[in-house]
Amino acid sequence: MSHKLSVCWRTAIRALVITSALAAPCAMADPVETNTDAAARDTDYAAGKHAMEKKDWPEAAKRFQLAAGRDPENADLQNYLGYTHRNLKQFDLAFK
């Protein structure tokens, strides 16, 4: 491998490592809610948020799943559900 090509590969790998390191905190960031009144309309959604605040991940997952069954298009709810599954180390469900 030529020296010039070797330098290019090292530069590309460094850029990838730096980009990955900068993006990692965002990947595990706490979810942000855009529709703040949705939980007021659904008791399971509200209970899921409460359980999440207490880090009761199994209860949060159960409640968010029930709420998602009634409001599957709610992006905030899906985000909370994914966040809860990540904390339960249920990564397949988190990415679903």
PDB file of N, CA and C in Angstrom:
ATOM      1  N   MET A   1       0.865  -1.165   0.000  1.00  0.00           N
ATOM      2  CA  MET A   1       0.000   0.000   0.000  1.00  0.00           C
ATOM      3  C   MET A   1       0.913   1.230   0.000  1.00  0.00           C
ATOM      4  N   SER A   2       0.603   2.180  -0.835  1.00  0.00           N
ATOM      5  CA  SER A   2       1.442   3.367  -0.906  1.00  0.00           C
ATOM      6  C   SER A   2       1.267   4.217   0.348  1.00  0.00           C
ATOM      7  N   HIS A   3       2.266   5.035   0.626  1.00  0.00           N
ATOM      8  CA  HIS A   3       2.226   5.913   1.803  1.00  0.00           C
ATOM      9  C   HIS A   3       1.040   6.870   1.729  1.00  0.00           C
ATOM     10  N   LYS A   4       0.774   7.411   0.549  1.00  0.00           N
ATOM     11  CA  LYS A   4      -0.332   8.364   0.377  1.00  0.00           C
ATOM     12  C   LYS A   4      -1.678   7.697   0.677  1.00  0.00           C
ATOM     13  N   LEU A   5      -1.858   6.475   0.203  1.00  0.00           N
ATOM     14  CA  LEU A   5      -3.095   5.739   0.461  1.00  0.00           C
ATOM     15  C   LEU A   5      -3.229   5.402   1.942  1.00  0.00           C
ATOM     16  N   SER A   6      -2.122   5.046   2.572  1.00  0.00           N
ATOM     17  CA  SER A   6      -2.127   4.736   4.002  1.00  0.00           C
ATOM     18  C   SER A   6      -2.539   5.961   4.818  1.00  0.00           C
ATOM     19  N   VAL A   7      -2.042   7.131   4.463  1.00  0.00           N
ATOM     20  CA  VAL A   7      -2.392   8.367   5.155  1.00  0.00           C
ATOM     21  C   VAL A   7      -3.888   8.652   4.976  1.00  0.00           C
ATOM     22  N   CYS A   8      -4.405   8.425   3.793  1.00  0.00           N
ATOM     23  CA  CYS A   8      -5.841   8.643   3.536  1.00  0.00           C
ATOM     24  C   CYS A   8      -6.700   7.735   4.409  1.00  0.00           C
ATOM     25  N   TRP A   9      -6.314   6.471   4.533  1.00  0.00           N
ATOM     26  CA  TRP A   9      -7.074   5.526   5.356  1.00  0.00           C
ATOM     27  C   TRP A   9      -7.037   5.935   6.826  1.00  0.00           C
ATOM     28  N   ARG A  10      -5.877   6.319   7.313  1.00  0.00           N
ATOM     29  CA  ARG A  10      -5.774   6.752   8.708  1.00  0.00           C
ATOM     30  C   ARG A  10      -6.618   7.995   8.962  1.00  0.00           C
ATOM     31  N   THR A  11      -6.619   8.919   8.024  1.00  0.00           N
ATOM     32  CA  THR A  11      -7.422  10.136   8.161  1.00  0.00           C
ATOM     33  C   THR A  11      -8.907   9.791   8.165  1.00  0.00           C
ATOM     34  N   ALA A  12      -9.322   8.893   7.296  1.00  0.00           N
ATOM     35  CA  ALA A  12     -10.732   8.492   7.234  1.00  0.00           C
ATOM     36  C   ALA A  12     -11.161   7.799   8.521  1.00  0.00           C
ATOM     37  N   ILE A  13     -10.309   6.951   9.053  1.00  0.00           N
ATOM     38  CA  ILE A  13     -10.632   6.241  10.301  1.00  0.00           C
ATOM     39  C   ILE A  13     -10.720   7.226  11.461  1.00  0.00           C
ATOM     40  N   ARG A  14      -9.801   8.175  11.526  1.00  0.00           N
ATOM     41  CA  ARG A  14      -9.863   9.194  12.582  1.00  0.00           C
ATOM     42  C   ARG A  14     -11.157   9.992  12.502  1.00  0.00           C
ATOM     43  N   ALA A  15     -11.539  10.370  11.293  1.00  0.00           N
ATOM     44  CA  ALA A  15     -12.783  11.136  11.116  1.00  0.00           C
ATOM     45  C   ALA A  15     -13.984  10.320  11.568  1.00  0.00           C
ATOM     46  N   LEU A  16     -13.990   9.034  11.268  1.00  0.00           N
ATOM     47  CA  LEU A  16     -15.089   8.170  11.684  1.00  0.00           C
ATOM     48  C   LEU A  16     -15.135   8.041  13.200  1.00  0.00           C
ATOM     49  N   VAL A  17     -14.004   7.880  13.835  1.00  0.00           N
ATOM     50  CA  VAL A  17     -13.954   7.753  15.295  1.00  0.00           C
ATOM     51  C   VAL A  17     -14.431   9.039  15.959  1.00  0.00           C
ATOM     52  N   ILE A  18     -13.976  10.179  15.461  1.00  0.00           N
ATOM     53  CA  ILE A  18     -14.386  11.460  16.034  1.00  0.00           C
ATOM     54  C   ILE A  18     -15.880  11.676  15.855  1.00  0.00           C
ATOM     55  N   THR A  19     -16.393  11.387  14.669  1.00  0.00           N
ATOM     56  CA  THR A  19     -17.828  11.540  14.408  1.00  0.00           C
ATOM     57  C   THR A  19     -18.637  10.627  15.316  1.00  0.00           C
ATOM     58  N   SER A  20     -18.201   9.395  15.482  1.00  0.00           N
ATOM     59  CA  SER A  20     -18.908   8.448  16.356  1.00  0.00           C
ATOM     60  C   SER A  20     -18.905   8.916  17.798  1.00  0.00           C
ATOM     61  N   ALA A  21     -17.786   9.438  18.247  1.00  0.00           N
ATOM     62  CA  ALA A  21     -17.684   9.904  19.636  1.00  0.00           C
ATOM     63  C   ALA A  21     -18.599  11.105  19.877  1.00  0.00           C
ATOM     64  N   LEU A  22     -18.709  11.967  18.888  1.00  0.00           N
ATOM     65  CA  LEU A  22     -19.575  13.132  19.041  1.00  0.00           C
ATOM     66  C   LEU A  22     -21.051  12.763  18.978  1.00  0.00           C
ATOM     67  N   ALA A  23     -21.391  11.747  18.216  1.00  0.00           N
ATOM     68  CA  ALA A  23     -22.786  11.346  18.065  1.00  0.00           C
ATOM     69  C   ALA A  23     -23.271  10.451  19.192  1.00  0.00           C
ATOM     70  N   ALA A  24     -22.385   9.764  19.888  1.00  0.00           N
ATOM     71  CA  ALA A  24     -22.772   8.804  20.922  1.00  0.00           C
ATOM     72  C   ALA A  24     -23.629   9.414  22.023  1.00  0.00           C
ATOM     73  N   PRO A  25     -23.296  10.581  22.577  1.00  0.00           N
ATOM     74  CA  PRO A  25     -24.156  11.140  23.629  1.00  0.00           C
ATOM     75  C   PRO A  25     -25.581  11.410  23.148  1.00  0.00           C
ATOM     76  N   CYS A  26     -25.732  11.771  21.900  1.00  0.00           N
ATOM     77  CA  CYS A  26     -27.072  12.031  21.362  1.00  0.00           C
ATOM     78  C   CYS A  26     -27.897  10.758  21.262  1.00  0.00           C
ATOM     79  N   ALA A  27     -27.248   9.643  20.985  1.00  0.00           N
ATOM     80  CA  ALA A  27     -27.965   8.385  20.805  1.00  0.00           C
ATOM     81  C   ALA A  27     -28.617   7.904  22.091  1.00  0.00           C
ATOM     82  N   MET A  28     -28.044   8.231  23.235  1.00  0.00           N
ATOM     83  CA  MET A  28     -28.593   7.767  24.498  1.00  0.00           C
ATOM     84  C   MET A  28     -29.225   8.905  25.305  1.00  0.00           C
ATOM     85  N   ALA A  29     -29.468  10.009  24.648  1.00  0.00           N
ATOM     86  CA  ALA A  29     -30.037  11.162  25.343  1.00  0.00           C
ATOM     87  C   ALA A  29     -31.456  10.862  25.817  1.00  0.00           C
ATOM     88  N   ASP A  30     -31.845  11.566  26.860  1.00  0.00           N
ATOM     89  CA  ASP A  30     -33.205  11.440  27.355  1.00  0.00           C
ATOM     90  C   ASP A  30     -34.174  11.920  26.278  1.00  0.00           C
ATOM     91  N   PRO A  31     -35.347  11.301  26.202  1.00  0.00           N
ATOM     92  CA  PRO A  31     -36.317  11.728  25.208  1.00  0.00           C
ATOM     93  C   PRO A  31     -36.868  13.118  25.543  1.00  0.00           C
ATOM     94  N   VAL A  32     -37.293  13.813  24.511  1.00  0.00           N
ATOM     95  CA  VAL A  32     -37.888  15.134  24.653  1.00  0.00           C
ATOM     96  C   VAL A  32     -39.316  15.060  24.140  1.00  0.00           C
ATOM     97  N   GLU A  33     -40.232  15.624  24.885  1.00  0.00           N
ATOM     98  CA  GLU A  33     -41.649  15.560  24.532  1.00  0.00           C
ATOM     99  C   GLU A  33     -42.067  16.822  23.780  1.00  0.00           C
ATOM    100  N   THR A  34     -42.723  16.650  22.633  1.00  0.00           N
ATOM    101  CA  THR A  34     -43.184  17.798  21.848  1.00  0.00           C
ATOM    102  C   THR A  34     -44.660  18.088  22.062  1.00  0.00           C
ATOM    103  N   ASN A  35     -45.426  17.091  22.468  1.00  0.00           N
ATOM    104  CA  ASN A  35     -46.865  17.254  22.693  1.00  0.00           C
ATOM    105  C   ASN A  35     -47.115  17.048  24.184  1.00  0.00           C
ATOM    106  N   THR A  36     -46.965  18.107  24.953  1.00  0.00           N
ATOM    107  CA  THR A  36     -46.981  17.984  26.411  1.00  0.00           C
ATOM    108  C   THR A  36     -48.347  17.684  27.011  1.00  0.00           C
ATOM    109  N   ASP A  37     -49.426  17.869  26.269  1.00  0.00           N
ATOM    110  CA  ASP A  37     -50.749  17.593  26.843  1.00  0.00           C
ATOM    111  C   ASP A  37     -51.240  16.176  26.552  1.00  0.00           C
ATOM    112  N   ALA A  38     -50.488  15.384  25.799  1.00  0.00           N
ATOM    113  CA  ALA A  38     -50.919  14.021  25.451  1.00  0.00           C
ATOM    114  C   ALA A  38     -51.054  13.145  26.692  1.00  0.00           C
ATOM    115  N   ALA A  39     -50.144  13.288  27.637  1.00  0.00           N
ATOM    116  CA  ALA A  39     -50.199  12.474  28.858  1.00  0.00           C
ATOM    117  C   ALA A  39     -51.412  12.831  29.702  1.00  0.00           C
ATOM    118  N   ALA A  40     -51.868  14.055  29.619  1.00  0.00           N
ATOM    119  CA  ALA A  40     -53.051  14.463  30.384  1.00  0.00           C
ATOM    120  C   ALA A  40     -54.310  13.782  29.861  1.00  0.00           C
ATOM    121  N   ARG A  41     -54.290  13.346  28.616  1.00  0.00           N
ATOM    122  CA  ARG A  41     -55.461  12.694  28.014  1.00  0.00           C
ATOM    123  C   ARG A  41     -55.441  11.178  28.155  1.00  0.00           C
ATOM    124  N   ASP A  42     -54.331  10.600  28.598  1.00  0.00           N
ATOM    125  CA  ASP A  42     -54.212   9.138  28.671  1.00  0.00           C
ATOM    126  C   ASP A  42     -53.546   8.754  29.990  1.00  0.00           C
ATOM    127  N   THR A  43     -54.277   8.031  30.825  1.00  0.00           N
ATOM    128  CA  THR A  43     -53.750   7.680  32.150  1.00  0.00           C
ATOM    129  C   THR A  43     -52.550   6.733  32.073  1.00  0.00           C
ATOM    130  N   ASP A  44     -52.528   5.829  31.077  1.00  0.00           N
ATOM    131  CA  ASP A  44     -51.370   4.931  30.940  1.00  0.00           C
ATOM    132  C   ASP A  44     -50.132   5.704  30.506  1.00  0.00           C
ATOM    133  N   TYR A  45     -50.316   6.660  29.627  1.00  0.00           N
ATOM    134  CA  TYR A  45     -49.194   7.509  29.199  1.00  0.00           C
ATOM    135  C   TYR A  45     -48.630   8.252  30.419  1.00  0.00           C
ATOM    136  N   ALA A  46     -49.499   8.863  31.200  1.00  0.00           N
ATOM    137  CA  ALA A  46     -49.068   9.590  32.400  1.00  0.00           C
ATOM    138  C   ALA A  46     -48.383   8.656  33.391  1.00  0.00           C
ATOM    139  N   ALA A  47     -48.950   7.459  33.588  1.00  0.00           N
ATOM    140  CA  ALA A  47     -48.349   6.493  34.513  1.00  0.00           C
ATOM    141  C   ALA A  47     -46.994   6.017  33.996  1.00  0.00           C
ATOM    142  N   GLY A  48     -46.859   5.877  32.682  1.00  0.00           N
ATOM    143  CA  GLY A  48     -45.580   5.493  32.091  1.00  0.00           C
ATOM    144  C   GLY A  48     -44.514   6.549  32.326  1.00  0.00           C
ATOM    145  N   LYS A  49     -44.892   7.813  32.160  1.00  0.00           N
ATOM    146  CA  LYS A  49     -43.945   8.896  32.420  1.00  0.00           C
ATOM    147  C   LYS A  49     -43.531   8.915  33.896  1.00  0.00           C
ATOM    148  N   HIS A  50     -44.502   8.698  34.771  1.00  0.00           N
ATOM    149  CA  HIS A  50     -44.207   8.673  36.206  1.00  0.00           C
ATOM    150  C   HIS A  50     -43.251   7.515  36.536  1.00  0.00           C
ATOM    151  N   ALA A  51     -43.530   6.347  35.979  1.00  0.00           N
ATOM    152  CA  ALA A  51     -42.664   5.181  36.211  1.00  0.00           C
ATOM    153  C   ALA A  51     -41.267   5.427  35.634  1.00  0.00           C
ATOM    154  N   MET A  52     -41.198   6.089  34.482  1.00  0.00           N
ATOM    155  CA  MET A  52     -39.916   6.387  33.872  1.00  0.00           C
ATOM    156  C   MET A  52     -39.105   7.335  34.772  1.00  0.00           C
ATOM    157  N   GLU A  53     -39.753   8.327  35.347  1.00  0.00           N
ATOM    158  CA  GLU A  53     -39.067   9.255  36.253  1.00  0.00           C
ATOM    159  C   GLU A  53     -38.487   8.526  37.466  1.00  0.00           C
ATOM    160  N   LYS A  54     -39.185   7.463  37.906  1.00  0.00           N
ATOM    161  CA  LYS A  54     -38.715   6.671  39.047  1.00  0.00           C
ATOM    162  C   LYS A  54     -37.759   5.558  38.616  1.00  0.00           C
ATOM    163  N   LYS A  55     -37.511   5.482  37.300  1.00  0.00           N
ATOM    164  CA  LYS A  55     -36.659   4.443  36.717  1.00  0.00           C
ATOM    165  C   LYS A  55     -37.217   3.032  36.948  1.00  0.00           C
ATOM    166  N   ASP A  56     -38.538   2.953  37.004  1.00  0.00           N
ATOM    167  CA  ASP A  56     -39.230   1.664  37.078  1.00  0.00           C
ATOM    168  C   ASP A  56     -39.506   1.239  35.633  1.00  0.00           C
ATOM    169  N   TRP A  57     -38.458   0.742  34.988  1.00  0.00           N
ATOM    170  CA  TRP A  57     -38.523   0.476  33.560  1.00  0.00           C
ATOM    171  C   TRP A  57     -39.569  -0.567  33.166  1.00  0.00           C
ATOM    172  N   PRO A  58     -39.735  -1.663  33.904  1.00  0.00           N
ATOM    173  CA  PRO A  58     -40.782  -2.632  33.510  1.00  0.00           C
ATOM    174  C   PRO A  58     -42.184  -2.011  33.536  1.00  0.00           C
ATOM    175  N   GLU A  59     -42.489  -1.223  34.570  1.00  0.00           N
ATOM    176  CA  GLU A  59     -43.802  -0.579  34.655  1.00  0.00           C
ATOM    177  C   GLU A  59     -43.957   0.459  33.554  1.00  0.00           C
ATOM    178  N   ALA A  60     -42.906   1.215  33.294  1.00  0.00           N
ATOM    179  CA  ALA A  60     -42.970   2.221  32.230  1.00  0.00           C
ATOM    180  C   ALA A  60     -43.231   1.556  30.883  1.00  0.00           C
ATOM    181  N   ALA A  61     -42.545   0.457  30.602  1.00  0.00           N
ATOM    182  CA  ALA A  61     -42.742  -0.240  29.331  1.00  0.00           C
ATOM    183  C   ALA A  61     -44.176  -0.743  29.203  1.00  0.00           C
ATOM    184  N   LYS A  62     -44.693  -1.312  30.279  1.00  0.00           N
ATOM    185  CA  LYS A  62     -46.066  -1.825  30.261  1.00  0.00           C
ATOM    186  C   LYS A  62     -47.063  -0.703  29.970  1.00  0.00           C
ATOM    187  N   ARG A  63     -46.925   0.406  30.669  1.00  0.00           N
ATOM    188  CA  ARG A  63     -47.867   1.513  30.512  1.00  0.00           C
ATOM    189  C   ARG A  63     -47.747   2.183  29.151  1.00  0.00           C
ATOM    190  N   PHE A  64     -46.513   2.398  28.688  1.00  0.00           N
ATOM    191  CA  PHE A  64     -46.340   3.009  27.372  1.00  0.00           C
ATOM    192  C   PHE A  64     -46.863   2.103  26.271  1.00  0.00           C
ATOM    193  N   GLN A  65     -46.703   0.790  26.439  1.00  0.00           N
ATOM    194  CA  GLN A  65     -47.213  -0.160  25.442  1.00  0.00           C
ATOM    195  C   GLN A  65     -48.740  -0.079  25.366  1.00  0.00           C
ATOM    196  N   LEU A  66     -49.388   0.005  26.521  1.00  0.00           N
ATOM    197  CA  LEU A  66     -50.851   0.141  26.530  1.00  0.00           C
ATOM    198  C   LEU A  66     -51.286   1.440  25.848  1.00  0.00           C
ATOM    199  N   ALA A  67     -50.606   2.531  26.165  1.00  0.00           N
ATOM    200  CA  ALA A  67     -50.941   3.825  25.566  1.00  0.00           C
ATOM    201  C   ALA A  67     -50.672   3.813  24.062  1.00  0.00           C
ATOM    202  N   ALA A  68     -49.591   3.173  23.652  1.00  0.00           N
ATOM    203  CA  ALA A  68     -49.252   3.100  22.228  1.00  0.00           C
ATOM    204  C   ALA A  68     -50.284   2.304  21.440  1.00  0.00           C
ATOM    205  N   GLY A  69     -50.922   1.358  22.083  1.00  0.00           N
ATOM    206  CA  GLY A  69     -51.988   0.610  21.415  1.00  0.00           C
ATOM    207  C   GLY A  69     -53.163   1.502  21.048  1.00  0.00           C
ATOM    208  N   ARG A  70     -53.385   2.537  21.830  1.00  0.00           N
ATOM    209  CA  ARG A  70     -54.481   3.472  21.556  1.00  0.00           C
ATOM    210  C   ARG A  70     -54.054   4.643  20.670  1.00  0.00           C
ATOM    211  N   ASP A  71     -52.761   4.965  20.694  1.00  0.00           N
ATOM    212  CA  ASP A  71     -52.268   6.123  19.940  1.00  0.00           C
ATOM    213  C   ASP A  71     -50.940   5.768  19.271  1.00  0.00           C
ATOM    214  N   PRO A  72     -50.968   4.859  18.291  1.00  0.00           N
ATOM    215  CA  PRO A  72     -49.727   4.356  17.695  1.00  0.00           C
ATOM    216  C   PRO A  72     -48.956   5.395  16.875  1.00  0.00           C
ATOM    217  N   GLU A  73     -49.601   6.481  16.492  1.00  0.00           N
ATOM    218  CA  GLU A  73     -48.934   7.499  15.682  1.00  0.00           C
ATOM    219  C   GLU A  73     -48.258   8.583  16.516  1.00  0.00           C
ATOM    220  N   ASN A  74     -48.350   8.508  17.841  1.00  0.00           N
ATOM    221  CA  ASN A  74     -47.764   9.520  18.710  1.00  0.00           C
ATOM    222  C   ASN A  74     -46.251   9.303  18.792  1.00  0.00           C
ATOM    223  N   ALA A  75     -45.490  10.183  18.137  1.00  0.00           N
ATOM    224  CA  ALA A  75     -44.038  10.031  18.075  1.00  0.00           C
ATOM    225  C   ALA A  75     -43.391  10.150  19.451  1.00  0.00           C
ATOM    226  N   ASP A  76     -43.903  11.039  20.305  1.00  0.00           N
ATOM    227  CA  ASP A  76     -43.344  11.190  21.651  1.00  0.00           C
ATOM    228  C   ASP A  76     -43.501   9.893  22.439  1.00  0.00           C
ATOM    229  N   LEU A  77     -44.658   9.309  22.350  1.00  0.00           N
ATOM    230  CA  LEU A  77     -44.938   8.061  23.048  1.00  0.00           C
ATOM    231  C   LEU A  77     -44.025   6.943  22.535  1.00  0.00           C
ATOM    232  N   GLN A  78     -43.856   6.861  21.234  1.00  0.00           N
ATOM    233  CA  GLN A  78     -42.959   5.847  20.662  1.00  0.00           C
ATOM    234  C   GLN A  78     -41.524   6.081  21.110  1.00  0.00           C
ATOM    235  N   ASN A  79     -41.122   7.343  21.218  1.00  0.00           N
ATOM    236  CA  ASN A  79     -39.783   7.674  21.686  1.00  0.00           C
ATOM    237  C   ASN A  79     -39.587   7.238  23.138  1.00  0.00           C
ATOM    238  N   TYR A  80     -40.574   7.515  23.984  1.00  0.00           N
ATOM    239  CA  TYR A  80     -40.501   7.087  25.384  1.00  0.00           C
ATOM    240  C   TYR A  80     -40.460   5.564  25.476  1.00  0.00           C
ATOM    241  N   LEU A  81     -41.239   4.908  24.665  1.00  0.00           N
ATOM    242  CA  LEU A  81     -41.263   3.446  24.680  1.00  0.00           C
ATOM    243  C   LEU A  81     -39.888   2.888  24.276  1.00  0.00           C
ATOM    244  N   GLY A  82     -39.300   3.461  23.231  1.00  0.00           N
ATOM    245  CA  GLY A  82     -37.972   3.025  22.813  1.00  0.00           C
ATOM    246  C   GLY A  82     -36.920   3.286  23.881  1.00  0.00           C
ATOM    247  N   TYR A  83     -37.000   4.451  24.511  1.00  0.00           N
ATOM    248  CA  TYR A  83     -36.065   4.816  25.579  1.00  0.00           C
ATOM    249  C   TYR A  83     -36.189   3.835  26.749  1.00  0.00           C
ATOM    250  N   THR A  84     -37.407   3.481  27.084  1.00  0.00           N
ATOM    251  CA  THR A  84     -37.655   2.528  28.168  1.00  0.00           C
ATOM    252  C   THR A  84     -37.064   1.160  27.831  1.00  0.00           C
ATOM    253  N   HIS A  85     -37.291   0.702  26.606  1.00  0.00           N
ATOM    254  CA  HIS A  85     -36.740  -0.596  26.195  1.00  0.00           C
ATOM    255  C   HIS A  85     -35.213  -0.571  26.182  1.00  0.00           C
ATOM    256  N   ARG A  86     -34.606   0.551  25.806  1.00  0.00           N
ATOM    257  CA  ARG A  86     -33.142   0.638  25.854  1.00  0.00           C
ATOM    258  C   ARG A  86     -32.642   0.494  27.284  1.00  0.00           C
ATOM    259  N   ASN A  87     -33.358   1.106  28.226  1.00  0.00           N
ATOM    260  CA  ASN A  87     -32.943   0.997  29.622  1.00  0.00           C
ATOM    261  C   ASN A  87     -33.160  -0.407  30.177  1.00  0.00           C
ATOM    262  N   LEU A  88     -34.053  -1.149  29.572  1.00  0.00           N
ATOM    263  CA  LEU A  88     -34.261  -2.545  29.947  1.00  0.00           C
ATOM    264  C   LEU A  88     -33.310  -3.484  29.192  1.00  0.00           C
ATOM    265  N   LYS A  89     -32.445  -2.893  28.345  1.00  0.00           N
ATOM    266  CA  LYS A  89     -31.503  -3.651  27.498  1.00  0.00           C
ATOM    267  C   LYS A  89     -32.231  -4.540  26.505  1.00  0.00           C
ATOM    268  N   GLN A  90     -33.451  -4.147  26.133  1.00  0.00           N
ATOM    269  CA  GLN A  90     -34.244  -4.857  25.131  1.00  0.00           C
ATOM    270  C   GLN A  90     -34.077  -4.119  23.794  1.00  0.00           C
ATOM    271  N   PHE A  91     -32.913  -4.241  23.211  1.00  0.00           N
ATOM    272  CA  PHE A  91     -32.546  -3.416  22.064  1.00  0.00           C
ATOM    273  C   PHE A  91     -33.361  -3.724  20.819  1.00  0.00           C
ATOM    274  N   ASP A  92     -33.756  -4.980  20.623  1.00  0.00           N
ATOM    275  CA  ASP A  92     -34.597  -5.301  19.464  1.00  0.00           C
ATOM    276  C   ASP A  92     -35.923  -4.561  19.551  1.00  0.00           C
ATOM    277  N   LEU A  93     -36.536  -4.553  20.735  1.00  0.00           N
ATOM    278  CA  LEU A  93     -37.788  -3.839  20.920  1.00  0.00           C
ATOM    279  C   LEU A  93     -37.584  -2.328  20.838  1.00  0.00           C
ATOM    280  N   ALA A  94     -36.459  -1.852  21.322  1.00  0.00           N
ATOM    281  CA  ALA A  94     -36.182  -0.414  21.297  1.00  0.00           C
ATOM    282  C   ALA A  94     -36.127   0.106  19.863  1.00  0.00           C
ATOM    283  N   PHE A  95     -35.555  -0.651  18.967  1.00  0.00           N
ATOM    284  CA  PHE A  95     -35.428  -0.202  17.586  1.00  0.00           C
ATOM    285  C   PHE A  95     -36.649  -0.527  16.742  1.00  0.00           C
ATOM    286  N   LYS A  96     -37.548  -1.296  17.295  1.00  0.00           N
ATOM    287  CA  LYS A  96     -38.787  -1.618  16.587  1.00  0.00           C
ATOM    288  C   LYS A  96     -39.649  -0.394  16.542  1.00  0.00           C
TER     289      LYS A  96
END
